[in-house]
Amino acid sequence: MSETPTPPAPAEPSAKVRALDRLVGTWQVSGGVEGTVRYEWASGKFFLLQHVELRQDGMDIRGLEVIGHLFNPFAGHEAPSEDVWSRFYDNQGNTLDYVYEIEGDTLTIWGGEKGSPAYMRGTFDADGTTMESEWVYPGGGGYKSVMTRVE
């Protein structure tokens, strides 16, 4: 039985993942959702982790999100995905997929794949300590919020 060689993992994190470094820290969230989120790098800085403790519409939401490129040589991937994907797991039993995109001071998080009608678009202030954002849902729902860095 011959073995198919496994493609090598990337040698270093991509520029798209490294651009998310401005999220690292603890943020107070207010507006349509209240609470805190904390971003930290996983070892090697290939993945950004988001720890969520929020309250929205009377529900406490606790969760973990893992953000980075998809790359699974056992599933036939020959290279990391072009987009930066994430999977969010919460205490309600949800697993949600997103695509992160940052250009300049604007962060867009697409619900599902890039170009989805569900997305969040936020803009960092000049010193990077505040981000005003709006979640847009298909059919006209959504909410506005502000994240303020506290650590």
Protein backbone atom coordinates (compact mmCIF):
# COMPACT_ATOMS: atom_id res chain seq x y z
CA MET A 1 0.00 0.00 0.00
CA SER A 2 1.51 3.32 -1.02
CA GLU A 3 1.12 6.41 1.10
CA THR A 4 0.09 9.74 -0.33
CA PRO A 5 2.34 12.46 1.07
CA THR A 6 0.60 14.98 3.32
CA PRO A 7 0.97 18.59 2.17
CA PRO A 8 3.05 20.61 4.60
CA ALA A 9 1.33 23.05 6.93
CA PRO A 10 2.12 26.74 6.37
CA ALA A 11 5.41 27.89 7.90
CA GLU A 12 3.93 31.03 9.44
CA PRO A 13 0.54 32.70 9.95
CA SER A 14 -0.80 34.57 6.94
CA ALA A 15 -1.02 38.35 6.70
CA LYS A 16 -4.84 38.02 6.82
CA VAL A 17 -4.67 36.25 10.17
CA ARG A 18 -1.95 38.57 11.52
CA ALA A 19 -4.18 41.58 10.65
CA LEU A 20 -6.59 40.39 13.36
CA ASP A 21 -3.96 41.16 16.02
CA ARG A 22 -5.72 44.47 16.71
CA LEU A 23 -8.55 42.45 18.30
CA VAL A 24 -6.29 40.88 20.96
CA GLY A 25 -7.37 41.94 24.43
CA THR A 26 -10.54 42.25 26.45
CA TRP A 27 -13.43 44.34 25.17
CA GLN A 28 -16.58 45.63 26.88
CA VAL A 29 -19.56 45.34 24.54
CA SER A 30 -22.63 47.58 24.80
CA GLY A 31 -25.70 48.31 22.69
CA GLY A 32 -27.86 45.53 21.26
CA VAL A 33 -25.77 43.03 23.20
CA GLU A 34 -23.99 43.52 26.54
CA GLY A 35 -20.96 41.87 28.13
CA THR A 36 -17.34 41.10 27.36
CA VAL A 37 -15.34 39.36 24.68
CA ARG A 38 -11.68 38.44 24.97
CA TYR A 39 -9.39 37.64 22.06
CA GLU A 40 -6.09 35.80 22.47
CA TRP A 41 -3.67 33.99 20.21
CA ALA A 42 -3.40 30.23 20.31
CA SER A 43 0.18 28.95 20.44
CA GLY A 44 1.92 29.64 17.11
CA LYS A 45 -0.48 32.50 16.24
CA PHE A 46 -2.16 30.55 13.43
CA PHE A 47 -5.49 30.81 15.27
CA LEU A 48 -7.16 33.61 17.20
CA LEU A 49 -9.48 32.53 20.02
CA GLN A 50 -12.48 34.59 21.10
CA HIS A 51 -14.02 33.97 24.53
CA VAL A 52 -17.59 35.31 24.71
CA GLU A 53 -19.66 36.28 27.76
CA LEU A 54 -22.66 38.23 26.48
CA ARG A 55 -26.30 38.86 27.27
CA GLN A 56 -28.69 39.34 24.36
CA ASP A 57 -32.49 39.33 24.36
CA GLY A 58 -32.56 38.00 27.92
CA MET A 59 -30.20 35.09 27.17
CA ASP A 60 -26.73 34.54 28.59
CA ILE A 61 -24.41 33.52 25.78
CA ARG A 62 -21.10 31.90 26.67
CA GLY A 63 -18.91 30.63 23.91
CA LEU A 64 -15.60 30.06 22.22
CA GLU A 65 -14.68 30.95 18.65
CA VAL A 66 -11.61 29.63 16.81
CA ILE A 67 -10.54 31.91 13.94
CA GLY A 68 -8.01 31.05 11.20
CA HIS A 69 -7.57 29.45 7.79
CA LEU A 70 -9.13 26.07 7.05
CA PHE A 71 -6.47 23.49 6.24
CA ASN A 72 -7.04 19.77 6.45
CA PRO A 73 -4.74 17.68 4.27
CA PHE A 74 -6.72 14.55 5.20
CA ALA A 75 -9.80 16.10 3.53
CA GLY A 76 -7.89 16.84 0.33
CA HIS A 77 -6.91 20.45 1.06
CA GLU A 78 -3.64 21.20 -0.67
CA ALA A 79 -3.29 24.65 0.85
CA PRO A 80 -4.94 26.77 3.53
CA SER A 81 -8.25 28.38 2.55
CA GLU A 82 -8.11 31.80 0.94
CA ASP A 83 -10.58 33.22 3.47
CA VAL A 84 -10.15 33.38 7.24
CA TRP A 85 -12.89 31.15 8.67
CA SER A 86 -14.12 30.62 12.19
CA ARG A 87 -16.35 28.28 14.10
CA PHE A 88 -18.22 29.54 17.17
CA TYR A 89 -19.49 27.14 19.85
CA ASP A 90 -21.90 28.34 22.53
CA ASN A 91 -23.73 27.18 25.65
CA GLN A 92 -27.00 26.99 23.66
CA GLY A 93 -25.61 24.14 21.53
CA ASN A 94 -25.00 26.28 18.43
CA THR A 95 -22.03 25.89 16.12
CA LEU A 96 -21.84 28.88 13.79
CA ASP A 97 -19.39 29.47 10.93
CA TYR A 98 -18.12 32.90 9.94
CA VAL A 99 -15.60 34.48 7.57
CA TYR A 100 -13.45 37.34 8.92
CA GLU A 101 -12.25 40.10 6.63
CA ILE A 102 -10.33 43.20 7.72
CA GLU A 103 -9.44 46.08 5.43
CA GLY A 104 -7.93 49.18 6.94
CA ASP A 105 -10.04 50.11 9.97
CA THR A 106 -13.07 48.08 8.87
CA LEU A 107 -13.78 44.57 10.12
CA THR A 108 -16.47 42.52 8.38
CA ILE A 109 -17.63 39.20 9.80
CA TRP A 110 -19.76 37.27 7.34
CA GLY A 111 -22.34 34.84 8.72
CA GLY A 112 -21.48 31.68 6.79
CA GLU A 113 -19.52 32.38 3.64
CA LYS A 114 -18.19 35.68 2.33
CA GLY A 115 -20.93 37.76 0.73
CA SER A 116 -23.66 36.36 3.00
CA PRO A 117 -26.72 38.58 3.67
CA ALA A 118 -25.95 38.13 7.41
CA TYR A 119 -22.87 40.07 8.48
CA MET A 120 -21.31 42.44 10.98
CA ARG A 121 -19.43 45.50 9.84
CA GLY A 122 -17.45 47.51 12.35
CA THR A 123 -15.05 50.42 12.23
CA PHE A 124 -12.17 50.97 14.65
CA ASP A 125 -11.51 54.48 15.91
CA ALA A 126 -8.12 56.13 15.22
CA ASP A 127 -6.39 54.72 18.31
CA GLY A 128 -7.95 51.24 17.99
CA THR A 129 -9.63 51.26 21.40
CA THR A 130 -13.24 51.42 20.21
CA MET A 131 -15.14 49.75 17.42
CA GLU A 132 -18.66 50.75 16.44
CA SER A 133 -20.48 48.00 14.57
CA GLU A 134 -23.78 46.77 13.25
CA TRP A 135 -25.01 43.23 12.74
CA VAL A 136 -27.28 42.96 9.71
CA TYR A 137 -29.64 39.99 9.37
CA PRO A 138 -31.61 38.91 6.30
CA GLY A 139 -35.14 40.30 6.39
CA GLY A 140 -34.18 43.53 8.17
CA GLY A 141 -33.17 42.43 11.68
CA GLY A 142 -29.95 43.15 13.49
CA TYR A 143 -28.51 45.48 16.09
CA LYS A 144 -25.80 48.08 16.69
CA SER A 145 -23.09 47.76 19.33
CA VAL A 146 -19.87 49.33 20.56
CA MET A 147 -16.79 47.44 21.70
CA THR A 148 -14.41 49.32 24.00
CA ARG A 149 -11.01 47.88 24.88
CA VAL A 150 -10.59 47.46 28.65
CA GLU A 151 -7.32 45.45 28.63
